[in-house]
Amino acid sequence: QVQQQALEVSRQRLEKETVRREVGGSSSTDLLNAQVSFNSDRSNFINQELAVLTARQNLNLQLAQDPATEITVSDEMIIPDLGMNFDALFELAEQRNSALLAADYSRRAAAAGVGTANSAFLPRVNLNASYGYTDRTTKNEVTNQFRPPETNTTSKDGAVSLGLSWNLFNGFRDNITRQNAKIEEKISRLQLENTRIQLNGSLREKYETFRKQMELLALEQENVQAARQNLQLQQERLQLGSVSSLEFRDAQINLIRAETALITARFRARITRLEIDQFTGQLSIE
């Protein structure tokens, strides 16, 4: 868009210089300078179109889709305000940062491993219970009034056992296992603290960088306004013939540089804002 606007200004200037030259109000030098400026801006515009086309194709390839697929890009780059100070940001990061949560889970798992290793030094209690029920029917070969044709026999039995065992010695293997578990737990605690310190430092760096980038962004916006007003003034002077072609071109280039610097500043601030969202666990992909 910046190159397109610059090309349009150069086209208008070239048309005016051509008309002035035809009526004898402009020198051939001014016309040639206008032609050179137009060609230069046209070349920059074509190169910019090529860069956009290449970037779109590369993005489509990364998305595993047809390189010719159209991608709609918004011209507006919104930079949300942080809305909180550093302490609040770090508190949010402690709750939601993926690296810190993973380190905390590792610490919990290591602590559970210590508990498991300590259980080997405790006595084992074994409780067993059994219950049996038997219902048997027997046919009698000889029957009379005292012996029916069938005899039913029912029996019930139960048993309960309680055992206590204690491992007195197994070559210090349990003790070694417990020591290793304690070492792992200590390492995990140190790793958790180190992750927290690194998170604090990285988040603070991005926080301060974002603040300075927003200040720079405001300054670049002022520069664009000043450069745009200067170009408008030079355009008016060009109509009156009171400005040289070099002075006009210089004002035009200053506006291009100011707008390019503004876009760069806005892009960098947006990237830093996304990195802060990543650190605080607020970055989501829909």
C-alpha atoms as a PDB file:
ATOM      1  CA  GLN A   1       0.000   0.000   0.000  1.00  0.00           C
ATOM      2  CA  VAL A   2       2.880   2.392   0.754  1.00  0.00           C
ATOM      3  CA  GLN A   3       4.493   1.668  -2.600  1.00  0.00           C
ATOM      4  CA  GLN A   4       1.155   2.000  -4.349  1.00  0.00           C
ATOM      5  CA  GLN A   5       0.570   5.434  -2.845  1.00  0.00           C
ATOM      6  CA  ALA A   6       4.089   6.522  -3.780  1.00  0.00           C
ATOM      7  CA  LEU A   7       3.538   5.293  -7.335  1.00  0.00           C
ATOM      8  CA  GLU A   8       0.311   7.264  -7.590  1.00  0.00           C
ATOM      9  CA  VAL A   9       2.030  10.464  -6.432  1.00  0.00           C
ATOM     10  CA  SER A  10       4.817   9.941  -8.976  1.00  0.00           C
ATOM     11  CA  ARG A  11       2.279   9.304 -11.732  1.00  0.00           C
ATOM     12  CA  GLN A  12       0.452  12.527 -10.959  1.00  0.00           C
ATOM     13  CA  ARG A  13       3.732  14.418 -10.881  1.00  0.00           C
ATOM     14  CA  LEU A  14       4.806  12.918 -14.222  1.00  0.00           C
ATOM     15  CA  GLU A  15       1.493  13.863 -15.813  1.00  0.00           C
ATOM     16  CA  LYS A  16       1.776  17.430 -14.543  1.00  0.00           C
ATOM     17  CA  GLU A  17       5.375  17.779 -15.698  1.00  0.00           C
ATOM     18  CA  THR A  18       4.389  16.416 -19.105  1.00  0.00           C
ATOM     19  CA  VAL A  19       1.622  18.987 -19.445  1.00  0.00           C
ATOM     20  CA  ARG A  20       3.866  21.797 -18.242  1.00  0.00           C
ATOM     21  CA  ARG A  21       6.554  20.721 -20.682  1.00  0.00           C
ATOM     22  CA  GLU A  22       4.078  20.785 -23.550  1.00  0.00           C
ATOM     23  CA  VAL A  23       3.027  24.338 -22.746  1.00  0.00           C
ATOM     24  CA  GLY A  24       6.620  25.402 -22.163  1.00  0.00           C
ATOM     25  CA  GLY A  25       6.371  25.869 -18.407  1.00  0.00           C
ATOM     26  CA  SER A  26       8.785  23.106 -17.433  1.00  0.00           C
ATOM     27  CA  SER A  27      12.311  22.170 -18.339  1.00  0.00           C
ATOM     28  CA  SER A  28      13.303  18.860 -19.795  1.00  0.00           C
ATOM     29  CA  THR A  29      15.296  18.190 -16.629  1.00  0.00           C
ATOM     30  CA  ASP A  30      12.181  18.354 -14.452  1.00  0.00           C
ATOM     31  CA  LEU A  31      10.337  16.048 -16.825  1.00  0.00           C
ATOM     32  CA  LEU A  32      13.181  13.556 -16.879  1.00  0.00           C
ATOM     33  CA  ASN A  33      13.442  13.616 -13.092  1.00  0.00           C
ATOM     34  CA  ALA A  34       9.719  12.954 -12.849  1.00  0.00           C
ATOM     35  CA  GLN A  35      10.066  10.079 -15.314  1.00  0.00           C
ATOM     36  CA  VAL A  36      12.957   8.580 -13.324  1.00  0.00           C
ATOM     37  CA  SER A  37      11.007   8.874 -10.072  1.00  0.00           C
ATOM     38  CA  PHE A  38       7.969   7.221 -11.640  1.00  0.00           C
ATOM     39  CA  ASN A  39      10.027   4.364 -13.058  1.00  0.00           C
ATOM     40  CA  SER A  40      11.773   3.850  -9.727  1.00  0.00           C
ATOM     41  CA  ASP A  41       8.478   3.727  -7.831  1.00  0.00           C
ATOM     42  CA  ARG A  42       7.006   1.450 -10.482  1.00  0.00           C
ATOM     43  CA  SER A  43       9.958  -0.911 -10.061  1.00  0.00           C
ATOM     44  CA  ASN A  44       9.577  -0.889  -6.277  1.00  0.00           C
ATOM     45  CA  PHE A  45       5.867  -1.587  -6.615  1.00  0.00           C
ATOM     46  CA  ILE A  46       6.466  -4.572  -8.905  1.00  0.00           C
ATOM     47  CA  ASN A  47       9.087  -5.969  -6.530  1.00  0.00           C
ATOM     48  CA  GLN A  48       6.676  -5.554  -3.646  1.00  0.00           C
ATOM     49  CA  GLU A  49       3.969  -7.412  -5.562  1.00  0.00           C
ATOM     50  CA  LEU A  50       6.447 -10.206  -6.238  1.00  0.00           C
ATOM     51  CA  ALA A  51       7.384 -10.369  -2.546  1.00  0.00           C
ATOM     52  CA  VAL A  52       3.711 -10.634  -1.569  1.00  0.00           C
ATOM     53  CA  LEU A  53       3.125 -13.358  -4.166  1.00  0.00           C
ATOM     54  CA  THR A  54       6.142 -15.348  -2.965  1.00  0.00           C
ATOM     55  CA  ALA A  55       5.132 -14.997   0.676  1.00  0.00           C
ATOM     56  CA  ARG A  56       1.605 -16.179  -0.109  1.00  0.00           C
ATOM     57  CA  GLN A  57       2.868 -19.213  -2.012  1.00  0.00           C
ATOM     58  CA  ASN A  58       5.266 -20.141   0.782  1.00  0.00           C
ATOM     59  CA  LEU A  59       2.498 -19.828   3.354  1.00  0.00           C
ATOM     60  CA  ASN A  60       0.217 -22.062   1.298  1.00  0.00           C
ATOM     61  CA  LEU A  61       2.977 -24.640   1.049  1.00  0.00           C
ATOM     62  CA  GLN A  62       3.422 -24.554   4.818  1.00  0.00           C
ATOM     63  CA  LEU A  63      -0.326 -25.107   5.156  1.00  0.00           C
ATOM     64  CA  ALA A  64      -0.171 -28.045   2.702  1.00  0.00           C
ATOM     65  CA  GLN A  65      -2.548 -26.438   0.230  1.00  0.00           C
ATOM     66  CA  ASP A  66      -2.487 -25.203  -3.357  1.00  0.00           C
ATOM     67  CA  PRO A  67       0.138 -22.429  -3.711  1.00  0.00           C
ATOM     68  CA  ALA A  68      -2.359 -20.426  -5.778  1.00  0.00           C
ATOM     69  CA  THR A  69      -4.938 -20.372  -2.981  1.00  0.00           C
ATOM     70  CA  GLU A  70      -6.012 -16.825  -2.209  1.00  0.00           C
ATOM     71  CA  ILE A  71      -5.243 -15.594   1.301  1.00  0.00           C
ATOM     72  CA  THR A  72      -7.113 -12.619   2.683  1.00  0.00           C
ATOM     73  CA  VAL A  73      -4.902 -10.366   4.772  1.00  0.00           C
ATOM     74  CA  SER A  74      -6.261  -7.550   6.896  1.00  0.00           C
ATOM     75  CA  ASP A  75      -4.716  -4.124   6.315  1.00  0.00           C
ATOM     76  CA  GLU A  76      -5.297  -3.248   9.960  1.00  0.00           C
ATOM     77  CA  MET A  77      -2.799  -4.463  12.544  1.00  0.00           C
ATOM     78  CA  ILE A  78      -4.401  -4.271  15.985  1.00  0.00           C
ATOM     79  CA  ILE A  79      -2.078  -4.192  19.000  1.00  0.00           C
ATOM     80  CA  PRO A  80      -4.041  -4.916  22.203  1.00  0.00           C
ATOM     81  CA  ASP A  81      -3.004  -3.059  25.325  1.00  0.00           C
ATOM     82  CA  LEU A  82      -1.532  -5.160  28.129  1.00  0.00           C
ATOM     83  CA  GLY A  83      -4.049  -3.895  30.648  1.00  0.00           C
ATOM     84  CA  MET A  84      -1.941  -4.955  33.639  1.00  0.00           C
ATOM     85  CA  ASN A  85       1.436  -4.342  35.233  1.00  0.00           C
ATOM     86  CA  PHE A  86       4.356  -6.754  35.246  1.00  0.00           C
ATOM     87  CA  ASP A  87       3.515  -8.351  38.607  1.00  0.00           C
ATOM     88  CA  ALA A  88       0.018  -9.221  37.415  1.00  0.00           C
ATOM     89  CA  LEU A  89       1.431 -10.598  34.164  1.00  0.00           C
ATOM     90  CA  PHE A  90       3.932 -12.789  35.977  1.00  0.00           C
ATOM     91  CA  GLU A  91       1.253 -14.068  38.349  1.00  0.00           C
ATOM     92  CA  LEU A  92      -0.813 -15.047  35.324  1.00  0.00           C
ATOM     93  CA  ALA A  93       2.235 -16.705  33.758  1.00  0.00           C
ATOM     94  CA  GLU A  94       2.838 -18.748  36.923  1.00  0.00           C
ATOM     95  CA  GLN A  95      -0.679 -20.124  36.593  1.00  0.00           C
ATOM     96  CA  ARG A  96      -0.785 -20.786  32.854  1.00  0.00           C
ATOM     97  CA  ASN A  97       2.709 -20.979  31.358  1.00  0.00           C
ATOM     98  CA  SER A  98       3.108 -24.408  29.751  1.00  0.00           C
ATOM     99  CA  ALA A  99       6.828 -24.800  30.522  1.00  0.00           C
ATOM    100  CA  LEU A 100       6.322 -23.887  34.172  1.00  0.00           C
ATOM    101  CA  LEU A 101       3.329 -26.213  34.499  1.00  0.00           C
ATOM    102  CA  ALA A 102       5.317 -29.073  32.957  1.00  0.00           C
ATOM    103  CA  ALA A 103       8.173 -28.473  35.416  1.00  0.00           C
ATOM    104  CA  ASP A 104       5.715 -28.464  38.312  1.00  0.00           C
ATOM    105  CA  TYR A 105       4.164 -31.741  37.141  1.00  0.00           C
ATOM    106  CA  SER A 106       7.646 -33.263  37.010  1.00  0.00           C
ATOM    107  CA  ARG A 107       8.296 -32.101  40.565  1.00  0.00           C
ATOM    108  CA  ARG A 108       5.045 -33.664  41.767  1.00  0.00           C
ATOM    109  CA  ALA A 109       5.858 -36.929  40.026  1.00  0.00           C
ATOM    110  CA  ALA A 110       9.317 -36.962  41.619  1.00  0.00           C
ATOM    111  CA  ALA A 111       7.798 -36.289  45.052  1.00  0.00           C
ATOM    112  CA  ALA A 112       5.422 -39.194  44.537  1.00  0.00           C
ATOM    113  CA  GLY A 113       8.419 -41.332  43.610  1.00  0.00           C
ATOM    114  CA  VAL A 114      10.012 -40.530  46.979  1.00  0.00           C
ATOM    115  CA  GLY A 115       6.847 -41.663  48.723  1.00  0.00           C
ATOM    116  CA  THR A 116       6.865 -44.893  46.768  1.00  0.00           C
ATOM    117  CA  ALA A 117      10.513 -45.510  47.649  1.00  0.00           C
ATOM    118  CA  ASN A 118       9.829 -44.873  51.357  1.00  0.00           C
ATOM    119  CA  SER A 119       7.023 -47.416  51.344  1.00  0.00           C
ATOM    120  CA  ALA A 120       9.605 -50.196  50.901  1.00  0.00           C
ATOM    121  CA  PHE A 121      10.751 -49.584  54.512  1.00  0.00           C
ATOM    122  CA  LEU A 122       7.276 -49.988  55.962  1.00  0.00           C
ATOM    123  CA  PRO A 123       5.807 -53.328  57.070  1.00  0.00           C
ATOM    124  CA  ARG A 124       3.398 -55.055  54.762  1.00  0.00           C
ATOM    125  CA  VAL A 125       0.076 -56.221  56.111  1.00  0.00           C
ATOM    126  CA  ASN A 126      -1.646 -59.008  54.206  1.00  0.00           C
ATOM    127  CA  LEU A 127      -5.280 -59.743  54.906  1.00  0.00           C
ATOM    128  CA  ASN A 128      -6.916 -62.745  53.270  1.00  0.00           C
ATOM    129  CA  ALA A 129     -10.486 -63.944  53.638  1.00  0.00           C
ATOM    130  CA  SER A 130     -12.299 -66.893  52.124  1.00  0.00           C
ATOM    131  CA  TYR A 131     -15.822 -68.251  52.289  1.00  0.00           C
ATOM    132  CA  GLY A 132     -17.162 -71.580  51.058  1.00  0.00           C
ATOM    133  CA  TYR A 133     -20.663 -72.946  50.602  1.00  0.00           C
ATOM    134  CA  THR A 134     -21.530 -76.514  49.539  1.00  0.00           C
ATOM    135  CA  ASP A 135     -24.953 -77.905  48.656  1.00  0.00           C
ATOM    136  CA  ARG A 136     -24.887 -81.608  47.693  1.00  0.00           C
ATOM    137  CA  THR A 137     -27.709 -84.013  46.868  1.00  0.00           C
ATOM    138  CA  THR A 138     -27.146 -87.823  47.145  1.00  0.00           C
ATOM    139  CA  LYS A 139     -29.500 -90.526  45.833  1.00  0.00           C
ATOM    140  CA  ASN A 140     -30.054 -93.490  48.166  1.00  0.00           C
ATOM    141  CA  GLU A 141     -30.158 -96.947  46.625  1.00  0.00           C
ATOM    142  CA  VAL A 142     -32.152 -98.360  49.531  1.00  0.00           C
ATOM    143  CA  THR A 143     -35.136 -96.345  50.633  1.00  0.00           C
ATOM    144  CA  ASN A 144     -37.572 -96.789  53.487  1.00  0.00           C
ATOM    145  CA  GLN A 145     -39.475 -94.612  55.823  1.00  0.00           C
ATOM    146  CA  PHE A 146     -36.250 -93.585  57.514  1.00  0.00           C
ATOM    147  CA  ARG A 147     -34.231 -93.141  54.329  1.00  0.00           C
ATOM    148  CA  PRO A 148     -35.749 -90.905  51.659  1.00  0.00           C
ATOM    149  CA  PRO A 149     -34.784 -91.317  47.994  1.00  0.00           C
ATOM    150  CA  GLU A 150     -32.417 -88.333  48.195  1.00  0.00           C
ATOM    151  CA  THR A 151     -30.264 -86.848  50.893  1.00  0.00           C
ATOM    152  CA  ASN A 152     -29.331 -83.142  50.864  1.00  0.00           C
ATOM    153  CA  THR A 153     -26.106 -82.085  52.517  1.00  0.00           C
ATOM    154  CA  THR A 154     -25.251 -78.402  53.076  1.00  0.00           C
ATOM    155  CA  SER A 155     -22.022 -77.045  54.507  1.00  0.00           C
ATOM    156  CA  LYS A 156     -20.551 -73.592  55.048  1.00  0.00           C
ATOM    157  CA  ASP A 157     -17.024 -72.676  55.976  1.00  0.00           C
ATOM    158  CA  GLY A 158     -14.971 -69.465  56.191  1.00  0.00           C
ATOM    159  CA  ALA A 159     -11.409 -68.460  56.950  1.00  0.00           C
ATOM    160  CA  VAL A 160      -9.587 -65.226  57.711  1.00  0.00           C
ATOM    161  CA  SER A 161      -5.830 -64.774  57.812  1.00  0.00           C
ATOM    162  CA  LEU A 162      -3.742 -61.768  58.750  1.00  0.00           C
ATOM    163  CA  GLY A 163      -0.061 -61.578  57.922  1.00  0.00           C
ATOM    164  CA  LEU A 164       2.673 -59.063  58.669  1.00  0.00           C
ATOM    165  CA  SER A 165       5.950 -58.984  56.707  1.00  0.00           C
ATOM    166  CA  TRP A 166       9.012 -56.773  56.947  1.00  0.00           C
ATOM    167  CA  ASN A 167      11.961 -56.694  54.583  1.00  0.00           C
ATOM    168  CA  LEU A 168      14.991 -56.773  56.873  1.00  0.00           C
ATOM    169  CA  PHE A 169      17.753 -56.728  54.276  1.00  0.00           C
ATOM    170  CA  ASN A 170      17.972 -56.897  50.476  1.00  0.00           C
ATOM    171  CA  GLY A 171      21.478 -55.684  49.807  1.00  0.00           C
ATOM    172  CA  PHE A 172      20.676 -51.971  50.393  1.00  0.00           C
ATOM    173  CA  ARG A 173      18.701 -51.863  47.166  1.00  0.00           C
ATOM    174  CA  ASP A 174      15.741 -50.136  48.817  1.00  0.00           C
ATOM    175  CA  ASN A 175      18.001 -47.550  50.395  1.00  0.00           C
ATOM    176  CA  ILE A 176      19.686 -46.834  47.058  1.00  0.00           C
ATOM    177  CA  THR A 177      16.297 -46.527  45.390  1.00  0.00           C
ATOM    178  CA  ARG A 178      15.162 -44.048  48.030  1.00  0.00           C
ATOM    179  CA  GLN A 179      18.322 -41.980  47.685  1.00  0.00           C
ATOM    180  CA  ASN A 180      17.924 -41.865  43.914  1.00  0.00           C
ATOM    181  CA  ALA A 181      14.305 -40.806  44.294  1.00  0.00           C
ATOM    182  CA  LYS A 182      15.308 -38.005  46.664  1.00  0.00           C
ATOM    183  CA  ILE A 183      17.952 -36.833  44.208  1.00  0.00           C
ATOM    184  CA  GLU A 184      15.404 -36.827  41.392  1.00  0.00           C
ATOM    185  CA  GLU A 185      12.991 -34.875  43.564  1.00  0.00           C
ATOM    186  CA  LYS A 186      15.653 -32.303  44.425  1.00  0.00           C
ATOM    187  CA  ILE A 187      16.650 -31.948  40.778  1.00  0.00           C
ATOM    188  CA  SER A 188      13.033 -31.438  39.765  1.00  0.00           C
ATOM    189  CA  ARG A 189      12.610 -28.733  42.430  1.00  0.00           C
ATOM    190  CA  LEU A 190      15.729 -26.950  41.171  1.00  0.00           C
ATOM    191  CA  GLN A 191      14.522 -27.245  37.586  1.00  0.00           C
ATOM    192  CA  LEU A 192      11.161 -25.806  38.580  1.00  0.00           C
ATOM    193  CA  GLU A 193      12.799 -22.845  40.289  1.00  0.00           C
ATOM    194  CA  ASN A 194      15.147 -22.342  37.343  1.00  0.00           C
ATOM    195  CA  THR A 195      12.195 -22.393  34.953  1.00  0.00           C
ATOM    196  CA  ARG A 196      10.413 -19.818  37.103  1.00  0.00           C
ATOM    197  CA  ILE A 197      13.482 -17.541  37.146  1.00  0.00           C
ATOM    198  CA  GLN A 198      13.944 -17.836  33.388  1.00  0.00           C
ATOM    199  CA  LEU A 199      10.263 -17.116  32.836  1.00  0.00           C
ATOM    200  CA  ASN A 200      10.479 -14.039  35.031  1.00  0.00           C
ATOM    201  CA  GLY A 201      13.504 -12.733  33.144  1.00  0.00           C
ATOM    202  CA  SER A 202      12.113 -13.439  29.675  1.00  0.00           C
ATOM    203  CA  LEU A 203       8.707 -11.988  30.488  1.00  0.00           C
ATOM    204  CA  ARG A 204      10.230  -8.858  32.018  1.00  0.00           C
ATOM    205  CA  GLU A 205      12.397  -8.380  28.931  1.00  0.00           C
ATOM    206  CA  LYS A 206       9.388  -8.655  26.620  1.00  0.00           C
ATOM    207  CA  TYR A 207       7.348  -6.403  28.906  1.00  0.00           C
ATOM    208  CA  GLU A 208       9.932  -3.615  28.852  1.00  0.00           C
ATOM    209  CA  THR A 209      10.540  -4.115  25.124  1.00  0.00           C
ATOM    210  CA  PHE A 210       6.826  -3.792  24.409  1.00  0.00           C
ATOM    211  CA  ARG A 211       6.586  -0.560  26.385  1.00  0.00           C
ATOM    212  CA  LYS A 212       9.489   0.977  24.467  1.00  0.00           C
ATOM    213  CA  GLN A 213       8.109  -0.275  21.168  1.00  0.00           C
ATOM    214  CA  MET A 214       4.778   1.405  21.873  1.00  0.00           C
ATOM    215  CA  GLU A 215       6.611   4.666  22.581  1.00  0.00           C
ATOM    216  CA  LEU A 216       8.514   4.257  19.323  1.00  0.00           C
ATOM    217  CA  LEU A 217       5.255   3.493  17.523  1.00  0.00           C
ATOM    218  CA  ALA A 218       3.740   6.777  18.715  1.00  0.00           C
ATOM    219  CA  LEU A 219       6.864   8.613  17.525  1.00  0.00           C
ATOM    220  CA  GLU A 220       6.713   6.963  14.102  1.00  0.00           C
ATOM    221  CA  GLN A 221       3.060   7.974  13.779  1.00  0.00           C
ATOM    222  CA  GLU A 222       4.058  11.582  14.405  1.00  0.00           C
ATOM    223  CA  ASN A 223       6.794  11.265  11.789  1.00  0.00           C
ATOM    224  CA  VAL A 224       4.312   9.988   9.216  1.00  0.00           C
ATOM    225  CA  GLN A 225       1.950  12.872   9.876  1.00  0.00           C
ATOM    226  CA  ALA A 226       4.775  15.383   9.556  1.00  0.00           C
ATOM    227  CA  ALA A 227       6.107  13.751   6.375  1.00  0.00           C
ATOM    228  CA  ARG A 228       2.626  13.621   4.847  1.00  0.00           C
ATOM    229  CA  GLN A 229       1.992  17.287   5.605  1.00  0.00           C
ATOM    230  CA  ASN A 230       5.374  18.184   4.143  1.00  0.00           C
ATOM    231  CA  LEU A 231       4.605  16.284   0.935  1.00  0.00           C
ATOM    232  CA  GLN A 232       1.247  18.024   0.627  1.00  0.00           C
ATOM    233  CA  LEU A 233       3.012  21.358   1.014  1.00  0.00           C
ATOM    234  CA  GLN A 234       5.556  20.408  -1.642  1.00  0.00           C
ATOM    235  CA  GLN A 235       2.734  19.362  -3.984  1.00  0.00           C
ATOM    236  CA  GLU A 236       1.185  22.793  -3.618  1.00  0.00           C
ATOM    237  CA  ARG A 237       4.532  24.428  -4.293  1.00  0.00           C
ATOM    238  CA  LEU A 238       5.004  22.167  -7.303  1.00  0.00           C
ATOM    239  CA  GLN A 239       1.768  23.515  -8.729  1.00  0.00           C
ATOM    240  CA  LEU A 240       3.141  27.018  -8.328  1.00  0.00           C
ATOM    241  CA  GLY A 241       6.551  26.063  -9.660  1.00  0.00           C
ATOM    242  CA  SER A 242       8.297  27.199  -6.481  1.00  0.00           C
ATOM    243  CA  VAL A 243       9.944  23.884  -5.622  1.00  0.00           C
ATOM    244  CA  SER A 244      12.583  21.905  -7.453  1.00  0.00           C
ATOM    245  CA  SER A 245      12.056  18.338  -8.586  1.00  0.00           C
ATOM    246  CA  LEU A 246      14.776  17.160  -6.204  1.00  0.00           C
ATOM    247  CA  GLU A 247      13.114  18.839  -3.212  1.00  0.00           C
ATOM    248  CA  PHE A 248       9.783  17.292  -4.144  1.00  0.00           C
ATOM    249  CA  ARG A 249      11.325  13.853  -4.568  1.00  0.00           C
ATOM    250  CA  ASP A 250      13.102  14.211  -1.229  1.00  0.00           C
ATOM    251  CA  ALA A 251       9.777  14.932   0.486  1.00  0.00           C
ATOM    252  CA  GLN A 252       8.222  11.935  -1.242  1.00  0.00           C
ATOM    253  CA  ILE A 253      11.044   9.608  -0.183  1.00  0.00           C
ATOM    254  CA  ASN A 254      10.821  10.893   3.387  1.00  0.00           C
ATOM    255  CA  LEU A 255       7.149   9.927   3.492  1.00  0.00           C
ATOM    256  CA  ILE A 256       7.903   6.463   2.109  1.00  0.00           C
ATOM    257  CA  ARG A 257      10.586   5.942   4.725  1.00  0.00           C
ATOM    258  CA  ALA A 258       8.350   7.220   7.521  1.00  0.00           C
ATOM    259  CA  GLU A 259       5.458   4.959   6.516  1.00  0.00           C
ATOM    260  CA  THR A 260       7.791   1.974   6.164  1.00  0.00           C
ATOM    261  CA  ALA A 261       9.268   2.670   9.600  1.00  0.00           C
ATOM    262  CA  LEU A 262       5.749   2.908  11.033  1.00  0.00           C
ATOM    263  CA  ILE A 263       4.770  -0.463   9.573  1.00  0.00           C
ATOM    264  CA  THR A 264       7.974  -2.024  10.898  1.00  0.00           C
ATOM    265  CA  ALA A 265       7.417  -0.564  14.368  1.00  0.00           C
ATOM    266  CA  ARG A 266       3.815  -1.762  14.434  1.00  0.00           C
ATOM    267  CA  PHE A 267       4.832  -5.248  13.276  1.00  0.00           C
ATOM    268  CA  ARG A 268       7.558  -5.579  15.903  1.00  0.00           C
ATOM    269  CA  ALA A 269       5.237  -4.411  18.663  1.00  0.00           C
ATOM    270  CA  ARG A 270       2.596  -6.925  17.560  1.00  0.00           C
ATOM    271  CA  ILE A 271       5.117  -9.772  17.577  1.00  0.00           C
ATOM    272  CA  THR A 272       6.281  -8.823  21.072  1.00  0.00           C
ATOM    273  CA  ARG A 273       2.659  -8.682  22.223  1.00  0.00           C
ATOM    274  CA  LEU A 274       2.108 -12.208  20.908  1.00  0.00           C
ATOM    275  CA  GLU A 275       5.232 -13.409  22.710  1.00  0.00           C
ATOM    276  CA  ILE A 276       3.871 -11.972  25.966  1.00  0.00           C
ATOM    277  CA  ASP A 277       0.606 -13.835  25.351  1.00  0.00           C
ATOM    278  CA  GLN A 278       2.621 -17.003  24.787  1.00  0.00           C
ATOM    279  CA  PHE A 279       4.517 -16.585  28.060  1.00  0.00           C
ATOM    280  CA  THR A 280       1.297 -15.951  29.985  1.00  0.00           C
ATOM    281  CA  GLY A 281      -0.608 -18.839  28.397  1.00  0.00           C
ATOM    282  CA  GLN A 282      -3.086 -16.575  26.599  1.00  0.00           C
ATOM    283  CA  LEU A 283      -2.084 -17.430  23.044  1.00  0.00           C
ATOM    284  CA  SER A 284      -4.777 -19.486  21.330  1.00  0.00           C
ATOM    285  CA  ILE A 285      -5.099 -20.751  17.775  1.00  0.00           C
ATOM    286  CA  GLU A 286      -8.624 -20.970  16.421  1.00  0.00           C
END
